[in-house]
C-alpha atoms as a PDB file:
ATOM      1  CA  MET A   1     -30.327  70.527 -87.619  1.00  0.00           C
ATOM      2  CA  ASP A   2     -28.582  68.253 -90.632  1.00  0.00           C
ATOM      3  CA  THR A   3     -26.502  66.104 -88.170  1.00  0.00           C
ATOM      4  CA  ARG A   4     -24.563  64.813 -91.108  1.00  0.00           C
ATOM      5  CA  LEU A   5     -23.199  67.595 -92.088  1.00  0.00           C
ATOM      6  CA  GLU A   6     -19.654  67.276 -90.386  1.00  0.00           C
ATOM      7  CA  SER A   7     -16.701  69.400 -91.267  1.00  0.00           C
ATOM      8  CA  PRO A   8     -13.932  68.037 -92.971  1.00  0.00           C
ATOM      9  CA  ASP A   9     -11.366  69.200 -89.679  1.00  0.00           C
ATOM     10  CA  ARG A  10     -13.959  67.898 -87.138  1.00  0.00           C
ATOM     11  CA  GLU A  11     -13.362  64.368 -88.557  1.00  0.00           C
ATOM     12  CA  ALA A  12      -9.781  64.411 -89.349  1.00  0.00           C
ATOM     13  CA  VAL A  13      -9.088  65.204 -85.534  1.00  0.00           C
ATOM     14  CA  ALA A  14     -11.537  62.863 -84.083  1.00  0.00           C
ATOM     15  CA  GLU A  15      -9.894  60.188 -86.789  1.00  0.00           C
ATOM     16  CA  ARG A  16      -6.417  60.979 -84.846  1.00  0.00           C
ATOM     17  CA  LEU A  17      -8.040  60.587 -81.811  1.00  0.00           C
ATOM     18  CA  LEU A  18      -9.677  57.215 -82.187  1.00  0.00           C
ATOM     19  CA  GLU A  19      -6.471  55.835 -83.668  1.00  0.00           C
ATOM     20  CA  ALA A  20      -4.618  57.217 -80.765  1.00  0.00           C
ATOM     21  CA  SER A  21      -7.263  55.850 -78.470  1.00  0.00           C
ATOM     22  CA  ALA A  22      -6.758  52.529 -79.889  1.00  0.00           C
ATOM     23  CA  ARG A  23      -2.780  52.474 -79.691  1.00  0.00           C
ATOM     24  CA  LEU A  24      -2.848  54.077 -75.714  1.00  0.00           C
ATOM     25  CA  SER A  25      -5.912  52.807 -73.975  1.00  0.00           C
ATOM     26  CA  TYR A  26      -5.283  51.049 -70.574  1.00  0.00           C
ATOM     27  CA  ASP A  27      -7.699  48.677 -68.303  1.00  0.00           C
ATOM     28  CA  PRO A  28      -6.558  50.320 -64.410  1.00  0.00           C
ATOM     29  CA  THR A  29      -8.047  47.005 -63.170  1.00  0.00           C
ATOM     30  CA  ILE A  30      -4.895  44.433 -64.379  1.00  0.00           C
ATOM     31  CA  GLU A  31      -2.448  47.483 -65.062  1.00  0.00           C
ATOM     32  CA  ILE A  32      -1.980  48.423 -61.798  1.00  0.00           C
ATOM     33  CA  ASP A  33      -1.312  46.201 -58.683  1.00  0.00           C
ATOM     34  CA  TRP A  34      -3.739  47.143 -56.539  1.00  0.00           C
ATOM     35  CA  GLU A  35      -2.696  45.043 -53.861  1.00  0.00           C
ATOM     36  CA  ALA A  36       0.796  45.637 -53.552  1.00  0.00           C
ATOM     37  CA  PRO A  37       1.373  47.297 -50.180  1.00  0.00           C
ATOM     38  CA  HIS A  38       2.227  50.886 -49.673  1.00  0.00           C
ATOM     39  CA  VAL A  39       5.735  52.570 -49.104  1.00  0.00           C
ATOM     40  CA  PRO A  40       6.298  53.325 -45.580  1.00  0.00           C
ATOM     41  CA  ASP A  41       6.411  57.474 -44.917  1.00  0.00           C
ATOM     42  CA  ALA A  42       6.062  57.929 -48.652  1.00  0.00           C
ATOM     43  CA  PHE A  43       3.762  61.021 -49.416  1.00  0.00           C
ATOM     44  CA  TRP A  44       0.612  60.604 -51.732  1.00  0.00           C
ATOM     45  CA  LEU A  45       1.314  63.837 -53.239  1.00  0.00           C
ATOM     46  CA  PRO A  46       4.099  66.498 -53.306  1.00  0.00           C
ATOM     47  CA  PRO A  47       4.147  67.888 -50.180  1.00  0.00           C
ATOM     48  CA  LYS A  48       4.365  71.331 -51.066  1.00  0.00           C
ATOM     49  CA  ARG A  49       0.915  70.993 -53.039  1.00  0.00           C
ATOM     50  CA  SER A  50      -0.451  69.448 -49.936  1.00  0.00           C
ATOM     51  CA  SER A  51      -3.467  72.670 -48.912  1.00  0.00           C
ATOM     52  CA  LEU A  52      -1.831  73.218 -45.258  1.00  0.00           C
ATOM     53  CA  TYR A  53       1.800  73.387 -46.569  1.00  0.00           C
ATOM     54  CA  GLY A  54       4.058  76.491 -45.278  1.00  0.00           C
ATOM     55  CA  THR A  55       1.173  76.797 -42.508  1.00  0.00           C
ATOM     56  CA  ASP A  56       1.670  76.448 -38.569  1.00  0.00           C
ATOM     57  CA  LEU A  57      -0.900  73.711 -38.554  1.00  0.00           C
ATOM     58  CA  TRP A  58       1.483  71.867 -40.951  1.00  0.00           C
ATOM     59  CA  GLU A  59       4.415  72.628 -38.975  1.00  0.00           C
ATOM     60  CA  ARG A  60       2.267  71.159 -35.941  1.00  0.00           C
ATOM     61  CA  LEU A  61       2.040  67.752 -37.665  1.00  0.00           C
ATOM     62  CA  SER A  62       4.134  64.893 -37.503  1.00  0.00           C
ATOM     63  CA  HIS A  63       6.078  62.896 -40.557  1.00  0.00           C
ATOM     64  CA  ALA A  64       3.438  60.490 -40.622  1.00  0.00           C
ATOM     65  CA  GLN A  65       0.647  62.798 -39.959  1.00  0.00           C
ATOM     66  CA  ARG A  66       1.593  64.962 -42.805  1.00  0.00           C
ATOM     67  CA  VAL A  67       1.734  61.628 -45.084  1.00  0.00           C
ATOM     68  CA  GLU A  68      -1.594  60.592 -43.759  1.00  0.00           C
ATOM     69  CA  LEU A  69      -3.074  64.394 -44.647  1.00  0.00           C
ATOM     70  CA  THR A  70      -1.555  63.935 -48.466  1.00  0.00           C
ATOM     71  CA  LYS A  71      -3.465  60.804 -48.731  1.00  0.00           C
ATOM     72  CA  HIS A  72      -6.730  61.966 -47.282  1.00  0.00           C
ATOM     73  CA  GLU A  73      -6.694  64.909 -50.249  1.00  0.00           C
ATOM     74  CA  VAL A  74      -5.735  62.576 -52.886  1.00  0.00           C
ATOM     75  CA  ALA A  75      -9.066  60.509 -52.069  1.00  0.00           C
ATOM     76  CA  SER A  76     -10.987  64.183 -51.792  1.00  0.00           C
ATOM     77  CA  ALA A  77      -9.268  64.787 -55.508  1.00  0.00           C
ATOM     78  CA  ALA A  78     -10.342  61.706 -56.693  1.00  0.00           C
ATOM     79  CA  SER A  79     -13.783  61.711 -55.277  1.00  0.00           C
ATOM     80  CA  ALA A  80     -14.141  65.021 -56.866  1.00  0.00           C
ATOM     81  CA  GLY A  81     -13.132  63.475 -60.165  1.00  0.00           C
ATOM     82  CA  LEU A  82     -15.302  60.757 -60.030  1.00  0.00           C
ATOM     83  CA  TRP A  83     -18.326  63.631 -59.451  1.00  0.00           C
ATOM     84  CA  PHE A  84     -17.319  65.184 -62.502  1.00  0.00           C
ATOM     85  CA  GLU A  85     -16.839  62.292 -64.332  1.00  0.00           C
ATOM     86  CA  THR A  86     -20.188  61.298 -64.072  1.00  0.00           C
ATOM     87  CA  ILE A  87     -21.314  64.593 -65.304  1.00  0.00           C
ATOM     88  CA  LEU A  88     -19.052  64.968 -68.169  1.00  0.00           C
ATOM     89  CA  MET A  89     -20.247  61.170 -69.281  1.00  0.00           C
ATOM     90  CA  GLN A  90     -24.118  62.404 -69.367  1.00  0.00           C
ATOM     91  CA  MET A  91     -22.929  65.537 -71.299  1.00  0.00           C
ATOM     92  CA  LEU A  92     -21.413  63.823 -73.923  1.00  0.00           C
ATOM     93  CA  ILE A  93     -24.377  61.032 -73.932  1.00  0.00           C
ATOM     94  CA  ARG A  94     -26.868  64.189 -74.629  1.00  0.00           C
ATOM     95  CA  HIS A  95     -24.657  65.047 -77.420  1.00  0.00           C
ATOM     96  CA  TYR A  96     -24.194  61.989 -78.772  1.00  0.00           C
ATOM     97  CA  TYR A  97     -28.088  61.917 -79.231  1.00  0.00           C
ATOM     98  CA  ASP A  98     -28.114  64.364 -81.397  1.00  0.00           C
ATOM     99  CA  ALA A  99     -24.925  63.340 -83.597  1.00  0.00           C
ATOM    100  CA  ASP A 100     -24.891  61.396 -86.805  1.00  0.00           C
ATOM    101  CA  PRO A 101     -23.583  57.690 -85.194  1.00  0.00           C
ATOM    102  CA  THR A 102     -21.881  56.911 -88.458  1.00  0.00           C
ATOM    103  CA  SER A 103     -19.496  60.337 -88.416  1.00  0.00           C
ATOM    104  CA  ARG A 104     -16.210  59.763 -86.468  1.00  0.00           C
ATOM    105  CA  HIS A 105     -16.808  63.019 -84.302  1.00  0.00           C
ATOM    106  CA  ALA A 106     -19.797  61.086 -82.741  1.00  0.00           C
ATOM    107  CA  GLN A 107     -17.792  58.116 -82.636  1.00  0.00           C
ATOM    108  CA  TYR A 108     -14.922  59.315 -80.249  1.00  0.00           C
ATOM    109  CA  MET A 109     -17.644  60.516 -78.355  1.00  0.00           C
ATOM    110  CA  LEU A 110     -18.770  57.353 -77.093  1.00  0.00           C
ATOM    111  CA  THR A 111     -14.886  56.083 -76.755  1.00  0.00           C
ATOM    112  CA  GLU A 112     -14.005  59.387 -74.499  1.00  0.00           C
ATOM    113  CA  VAL A 113     -17.073  58.172 -72.401  1.00  0.00           C
ATOM    114  CA  ALA A 114     -15.610  54.390 -72.485  1.00  0.00           C
ATOM    115  CA  ASP A 115     -12.498  56.045 -71.218  1.00  0.00           C
ATOM    116  CA  GLU A 116     -14.409  58.068 -68.281  1.00  0.00           C
ATOM    117  CA  CYS A 117     -16.307  54.810 -67.220  1.00  0.00           C
ATOM    118  CA  ARG A 118     -12.616  53.291 -66.764  1.00  0.00           C
ATOM    119  CA  HIS A 119     -11.309  56.122 -65.249  1.00  0.00           C
ATOM    120  CA  SER A 120     -14.452  56.213 -62.482  1.00  0.00           C
ATOM    121  CA  VAL A 121     -13.928  52.705 -61.624  1.00  0.00           C
ATOM    122  CA  MET A 122      -9.838  53.254 -61.204  1.00  0.00           C
ATOM    123  CA  PHE A 123     -10.593  56.623 -58.962  1.00  0.00           C
ATOM    124  CA  GLY A 124     -13.394  54.252 -57.175  1.00  0.00           C
ATOM    125  CA  ARG A 125     -10.545  51.583 -56.277  1.00  0.00           C
ATOM    126  CA  LEU A 126      -7.801  54.142 -55.493  1.00  0.00           C
ATOM    127  CA  ILE A 127     -10.233  55.598 -52.557  1.00  0.00           C
ATOM    128  CA  GLU A 128     -11.150  52.324 -51.577  1.00  0.00           C
ATOM    129  CA  ALA A 129      -7.409  50.985 -51.774  1.00  0.00           C
ATOM    130  CA  LEU A 130      -6.330  54.031 -49.548  1.00  0.00           C
ATOM    131  CA  GLY A 131      -8.675  53.246 -47.120  1.00  0.00           C
ATOM    132  CA  CYS A 132     -10.411  56.391 -47.262  1.00  0.00           C
ATOM    133  CA  PRO A 133     -13.748  57.219 -47.321  1.00  0.00           C
ATOM    134  CA  VAL A 134     -15.224  59.107 -50.407  1.00  0.00           C
ATOM    135  CA  TYR A 135     -16.008  62.772 -49.932  1.00  0.00           C
ATOM    136  CA  PRO A 136     -19.091  64.141 -51.195  1.00  0.00           C
ATOM    137  CA  ALA A 137     -20.119  67.112 -53.670  1.00  0.00           C
ATOM    138  CA  SER A 138     -22.465  69.304 -51.196  1.00  0.00           C
ATOM    139  CA  ARG A 139     -25.905  69.957 -51.749  1.00  0.00           C
ATOM    140  CA  LEU A 140     -25.317  72.772 -53.997  1.00  0.00           C
ATOM    141  CA  ASP A 141     -22.644  71.625 -55.576  1.00  0.00           C
ATOM    142  CA  HIS A 142     -24.235  68.067 -56.520  1.00  0.00           C
ATOM    143  CA  PHE A 143     -27.505  69.990 -57.386  1.00  0.00           C
ATOM    144  CA  LEU A 144     -25.904  72.460 -59.813  1.00  0.00           C
ATOM    145  CA  GLY A 145     -23.848  69.118 -60.881  1.00  0.00           C
ATOM    146  CA  ARG A 146     -27.338  67.789 -61.541  1.00  0.00           C
ATOM    147  CA  TYR A 147     -28.457  70.954 -63.343  1.00  0.00           C
ATOM    148  CA  LEU A 148     -24.952  71.166 -65.595  1.00  0.00           C
ATOM    149  CA  LYS A 149     -25.322  67.347 -67.023  1.00  0.00           C
ATOM    150  CA  ALA A 150     -28.955  67.964 -67.688  1.00  0.00           C
ATOM    151  CA  THR A 151     -28.760  71.206 -69.751  1.00  0.00           C
ATOM    152  CA  ALA A 152     -25.032  72.352 -70.890  1.00  0.00           C
ATOM    153  CA  THR A 153     -24.873  72.826 -74.183  1.00  0.00           C
ATOM    154  CA  GLY A 154     -22.364  74.943 -76.414  1.00  0.00           C
ATOM    155  CA  PRO A 155     -19.590  76.601 -75.321  1.00  0.00           C
ATOM    156  CA  HIS A 156     -19.849  76.459 -70.846  1.00  0.00           C
ATOM    157  CA  MET A 157     -20.175  72.403 -71.925  1.00  0.00           C
ATOM    158  CA  TYR A 158     -16.982  71.633 -73.092  1.00  0.00           C
ATOM    159  CA  ALA A 159     -14.839  74.666 -71.171  1.00  0.00           C
ATOM    160  CA  ALA A 160     -16.482  73.160 -67.959  1.00  0.00           C
ATOM    161  CA  ILE A 161     -14.965  69.639 -69.081  1.00  0.00           C
ATOM    162  CA  LEU A 162     -11.731  71.571 -69.859  1.00  0.00           C
ATOM    163  CA  ILE A 163     -11.444  73.251 -66.277  1.00  0.00           C
ATOM    164  CA  ALA A 164     -11.961  70.008 -64.719  1.00  0.00           C
ATOM    165  CA  GLU A 165      -9.681  67.740 -66.713  1.00  0.00           C
ATOM    166  CA  GLU A 166      -6.708  70.334 -66.741  1.00  0.00           C
ATOM    167  CA  ILE A 167      -6.673  71.441 -63.612  1.00  0.00           C
ATOM    168  CA  LEU A 168      -6.233  67.365 -62.384  1.00  0.00           C
ATOM    169  CA  ASP A 169      -4.000  67.062 -65.178  1.00  0.00           C
ATOM    170  CA  ALA A 170      -1.499  69.612 -64.114  1.00  0.00           C
ATOM    171  CA  PHE A 171      -1.344  67.748 -60.516  1.00  0.00           C
ATOM    172  CA  GLN A 172      -1.251  64.327 -62.151  1.00  0.00           C
ATOM    173  CA  ARG A 173       1.649  65.236 -64.355  1.00  0.00           C
ATOM    174  CA  GLU A 174       3.521  66.055 -61.346  1.00  0.00           C
ATOM    175  CA  ILE A 175       2.666  63.108 -59.180  1.00  0.00           C
ATOM    176  CA  MET A 176       3.455  60.617 -62.558  1.00  0.00           C
ATOM    177  CA  ALA A 177       6.934  62.236 -62.590  1.00  0.00           C
ATOM    178  CA  ASP A 178       7.968  62.276 -58.779  1.00  0.00           C
ATOM    179  CA  GLU A 179       9.849  59.023 -57.705  1.00  0.00           C
ATOM    180  CA  SER A 180       9.604  59.677 -54.420  1.00  0.00           C
ATOM    181  CA  LEU A 181       5.828  59.752 -54.263  1.00  0.00           C
ATOM    182  CA  GLN A 182       3.491  56.403 -53.506  1.00  0.00           C
ATOM    183  CA  PRO A 183       4.192  53.888 -56.773  1.00  0.00           C
ATOM    184  CA  LEU A 184      -0.149  53.759 -56.678  1.00  0.00           C
ATOM    185  CA  ILE A 185      -0.837  56.972 -56.937  1.00  0.00           C
ATOM    186  CA  ARG A 186       1.734  57.561 -59.972  1.00  0.00           C
ATOM    187  CA  ALA A 187       0.115  54.637 -61.823  1.00  0.00           C
ATOM    188  CA  VAL A 188      -3.262  55.678 -61.404  1.00  0.00           C
ATOM    189  CA  SER A 189      -1.995  59.428 -62.702  1.00  0.00           C
ATOM    190  CA  ARG A 190       0.206  58.133 -65.436  1.00  0.00           C
ATOM    191  CA  ILE A 191      -3.003  56.425 -67.155  1.00  0.00           C
ATOM    192  CA  HIS A 192      -5.099  59.130 -66.519  1.00  0.00           C
ATOM    193  CA  VAL A 193      -2.280  61.782 -68.163  1.00  0.00           C
ATOM    194  CA  VAL A 194      -1.960  59.755 -71.133  1.00  0.00           C
ATOM    195  CA  GLU A 195      -6.066  59.432 -71.845  1.00  0.00           C
ATOM    196  CA  GLU A 196      -6.999  62.479 -70.625  1.00  0.00           C
ATOM    197  CA  ALA A 197      -4.708  64.309 -73.245  1.00  0.00           C
ATOM    198  CA  ARG A 198      -6.883  63.406 -76.025  1.00  0.00           C
ATOM    199  CA  HIS A 199      -9.761  64.672 -74.291  1.00  0.00           C
ATOM    200  CA  VAL A 200      -8.787  68.106 -73.990  1.00  0.00           C
ATOM    201  CA  ARG A 201      -7.253  68.173 -77.442  1.00  0.00           C
ATOM    202  CA  PHE A 202     -10.974  67.450 -78.131  1.00  0.00           C
ATOM    203  CA  ALA A 203     -12.511  69.515 -75.894  1.00  0.00           C
ATOM    204  CA  ARG A 204      -9.997  72.563 -76.994  1.00  0.00           C
ATOM    205  CA  GLU A 205     -10.901  71.848 -81.217  1.00  0.00           C
ATOM    206  CA  GLU A 206     -14.833  71.748 -80.182  1.00  0.00           C
ATOM    207  CA  LEU A 207     -15.162  74.729 -77.780  1.00  0.00           C
ATOM    208  CA  VAL A 208     -13.488  76.495 -80.939  1.00  0.00           C
ATOM    209  CA  ARG A 209     -16.124  75.894 -83.042  1.00  0.00           C
ATOM    210  CA  GLN A 210     -18.811  76.151 -80.442  1.00  0.00           C
ATOM    211  CA  VAL A 211     -17.618  79.892 -79.482  1.00  0.00           C
ATOM    212  CA  ALA A 212     -17.303  81.001 -82.977  1.00  0.00           C
ATOM    213  CA  ALA A 213     -21.207  80.136 -83.893  1.00  0.00           C
ATOM    214  CA  ALA A 214     -22.203  81.692 -80.169  1.00  0.00           C
ATOM    215  CA  GLY A 215     -24.188  84.650 -80.069  1.00  0.00           C
ATOM    216  CA  PRO A 216     -23.675  87.684 -77.536  1.00  0.00           C
ATOM    217  CA  LEU A 217     -26.141  86.561 -74.654  1.00  0.00           C
ATOM    218  CA  ASP A 218     -25.180  83.104 -74.964  1.00  0.00           C
ATOM    219  CA  MET A 219     -21.092  83.955 -74.524  1.00  0.00           C
ATOM    220  CA  ALA A 220     -22.760  85.912 -71.625  1.00  0.00           C
ATOM    221  CA  TYR A 221     -24.777  82.937 -69.738  1.00  0.00           C
ATOM    222  CA  ALA A 222     -21.485  81.038 -70.813  1.00  0.00           C
ATOM    223  CA  ARG A 223     -19.302  83.181 -69.175  1.00  0.00           C
ATOM    224  CA  LEU A 224     -21.386  82.954 -65.565  1.00  0.00           C
ATOM    225  CA  LEU A 225     -21.957  78.996 -66.068  1.00  0.00           C
ATOM    226  CA  ILE A 226     -17.745  78.830 -66.595  1.00  0.00           C
ATOM    227  CA  GLY A 227     -16.881  81.074 -63.744  1.00  0.00           C
ATOM    228  CA  ARG A 228     -19.538  78.972 -61.819  1.00  0.00           C
ATOM    229  CA  ALA A 229     -17.819  75.854 -62.734  1.00  0.00           C
ATOM    230  CA  ALA A 230     -14.702  76.734 -62.120  1.00  0.00           C
ATOM    231  CA  TYR A 231     -15.371  77.851 -58.167  1.00  0.00           C
ATOM    232  CA  SER A 232     -17.324  74.508 -57.621  1.00  0.00           C
ATOM    233  CA  ILE A 233     -14.079  72.571 -59.137  1.00  0.00           C
ATOM    234  CA  ALA A 234     -11.816  74.500 -57.057  1.00  0.00           C
ATOM    235  CA  ASN A 235     -13.708  73.997 -54.020  1.00  0.00           C
ATOM    236  CA  ARG A 236     -14.296  70.535 -54.578  1.00  0.00           C
ATOM    237  CA  LEU A 237     -10.738  69.637 -54.789  1.00  0.00           C
ATOM    238  CA  VAL A 238      -9.597  69.362 -50.875  1.00  0.00           C
ATOM    239  CA  HIS A 239     -12.900  68.323 -48.803  1.00  0.00           C
ATOM    240  CA  PRO A 240     -13.060  70.121 -45.520  1.00  0.00           C
ATOM    241  CA  ARG A 241     -13.613  66.736 -43.583  1.00  0.00           C
ATOM    242  CA  VAL A 242      -9.790  65.919 -44.786  1.00  0.00           C
ATOM    243  CA  TYR A 243      -8.505  67.501 -41.886  1.00  0.00           C
ATOM    244  CA  ALA A 244     -10.085  65.725 -39.037  1.00  0.00           C
ATOM    245  CA  ALA A 245      -8.332  62.518 -40.590  1.00  0.00           C
ATOM    246  CA  VAL A 246      -5.048  63.983 -38.778  1.00  0.00           C
ATOM    247  CA  GLY A 247      -6.860  65.459 -35.793  1.00  0.00           C
ATOM    248  CA  ILE A 248      -7.464  69.315 -36.978  1.00  0.00           C
ATOM    249  CA  PRO A 249     -11.212  70.640 -37.041  1.00  0.00           C
ATOM    250  CA  PRO A 250     -12.232  70.966 -40.264  1.00  0.00           C
ATOM    251  CA  ARG A 251     -13.446  74.219 -40.110  1.00  0.00           C
ATOM    252  CA  VAL A 252      -9.947  75.569 -38.892  1.00  0.00           C
ATOM    253  CA  GLY A 253      -8.533  73.206 -41.526  1.00  0.00           C
ATOM    254  CA  ARG A 254     -10.376  75.236 -44.628  1.00  0.00           C
ATOM    255  CA  ALA A 255      -9.695  78.442 -43.148  1.00  0.00           C
ATOM    256  CA  ALA A 256      -6.043  77.962 -43.069  1.00  0.00           C
ATOM    257  CA  ALA A 257      -6.160  76.611 -46.615  1.00  0.00           C
ATOM    258  CA  ARG A 258      -7.915  79.331 -47.915  1.00  0.00           C
ATOM    259  CA  ALA A 259      -5.233  81.751 -46.421  1.00  0.00           C
ATOM    260  CA  ASN A 260      -2.492  79.918 -47.207  1.00  0.00           C
ATOM    261  CA  PRO A 261      -0.624  81.670 -49.930  1.00  0.00           C
ATOM    262  CA  ASN A 262       1.539  78.390 -50.752  1.00  0.00           C
ATOM    263  CA  PHE A 263      -1.987  76.223 -51.725  1.00  0.00           C
ATOM    264  CA  ARG A 264      -3.373  79.490 -53.572  1.00  0.00           C
ATOM    265  CA  ALA A 265      -0.391  79.723 -55.621  1.00  0.00           C
ATOM    266  CA  SER A 266      -0.846  75.886 -56.383  1.00  0.00           C
ATOM    267  CA  LEU A 267      -4.197  76.627 -57.460  1.00  0.00           C
ATOM    268  CA  ARG A 268      -3.241  79.347 -60.015  1.00  0.00           C
ATOM    269  CA  TRP A 269      -0.874  76.895 -61.207  1.00  0.00           C
ATOM    270  CA  SER A 270      -2.894  74.062 -61.705  1.00  0.00           C
ATOM    271  CA  ALA A 271      -5.301  76.328 -63.571  1.00  0.00           C
ATOM    272  CA  GLN A 272      -2.809  78.825 -65.642  1.00  0.00           C
ATOM    273  CA  ARG A 273      -2.956  76.947 -68.540  1.00  0.00           C
ATOM    274  CA  VAL A 274      -6.675  76.549 -69.374  1.00  0.00           C
ATOM    275  CA  TYR A 275      -7.409  80.081 -68.225  1.00  0.00           C
ATOM    276  CA  ALA A 276      -5.594  81.472 -70.779  1.00  0.00           C
ATOM    277  CA  PHE A 277      -6.987  79.216 -73.416  1.00  0.00           C
ATOM    278  CA  LEU A 278     -10.910  80.536 -71.815  1.00  0.00           C
ATOM    279  CA  ALA A 279      -9.828  84.067 -71.705  1.00  0.00           C
ATOM    280  CA  ASP A 280      -8.371  84.211 -75.298  1.00  0.00           C
ATOM    281  CA  LEU A 281     -11.939  82.799 -76.142  1.00  0.00           C
ATOM    282  CA  GLY A 282     -13.146  85.453 -74.240  1.00  0.00           C
ATOM    283  CA  LEU A 283     -15.030  83.326 -71.773  1.00  0.00           C
ATOM    284  CA  VAL A 284     -13.814  84.756 -68.776  1.00  0.00           C
ATOM    285  CA  ALA A 285     -15.020  88.123 -67.904  1.00  0.00           C
ATOM    286  CA  GLY A 286     -17.470  89.815 -65.986  1.00  0.00           C
ATOM    287  CA  PRO A 287     -19.067  88.259 -62.858  1.00  0.00           C
ATOM    288  CA  GLY A 288     -17.801  85.082 -64.010  1.00  0.00           C
ATOM    289  CA  ARG A 289     -14.448  86.347 -63.357  1.00  0.00           C
ATOM    290  CA  VAL A 290     -15.262  87.181 -59.713  1.00  0.00           C
ATOM    291  CA  LEU A 291     -15.789  83.451 -59.356  1.00  0.00           C
ATOM    292  CA  TRP A 292     -12.424  82.357 -60.608  1.00  0.00           C
ATOM    293  CA  ALA A 293     -10.699  84.545 -58.505  1.00  0.00           C
ATOM    294  CA  ARG A 294     -12.811  84.072 -55.125  1.00  0.00           C
ATOM    295  CA  ALA A 295     -11.706  80.203 -56.130  1.00  0.00           C
ATOM    296  CA  GLY A 296      -8.303  81.431 -55.970  1.00  0.00           C
ATOM    297  CA  LEU A 297      -7.400  80.179 -59.743  1.00  0.00           C
ATOM    298  CA  ILE A 298      -6.505  83.482 -60.864  1.00  0.00           C
END
């Protein structure tokens, strides 16, 4: 293919995103006070977004235990973010490998990779500051992530990017606006929201182009891979081991969370924007849609 043939619209979007990156990019190692003491008794995410909120298990926890649970849930989400951003960076670099390095589109891909490098450092520093363990992907998801980063192209590549970015973005927009929460997680969320807004715009614009160029078989394959990505991302948000931090057996906590109507409502809320966008593009149907439902996202 002739990688030097870039559409003017594509280049114009990339140019604007590059300009925005120059104006609004942050170094979290400098911008965030990592040594500041945590606020006693303040939650790390809105209690209503905790996976156990409203359950009998939640009612039995003390306030301190509830705060501790939200801290570990944040560490779990940060671990999931790290996992997916590592996949994302490799997918973008593979895409860049075949691109014209003089195009603004290709240059923005590198700029996004640079953003994601800083975000990965930020999430690592966050987990360290929380004093929590890194909550890893399951063996199956680790393998599927390795497969995705090595093979993803076309619609399912950019759709997977959007699912991860927009679900996390929904939670972080709420966190950054809530003054009752810990200042550290609000600062992390604010940086991530500002910079991810550019990534979402880039991925949405590119996904529309990819869908327009995809054939029926490509679309069928994309729907299945997108459904599996949605399922993996939703299930990675809260690792079962977080419940052990407050004395709840992981299997018991996981079962309660999965049955919790409040948490399922939060999952649907977090995915509603990206689901609507992908469904409008014809990327949610058949077996893939079943996976969205099994994940509790619809």
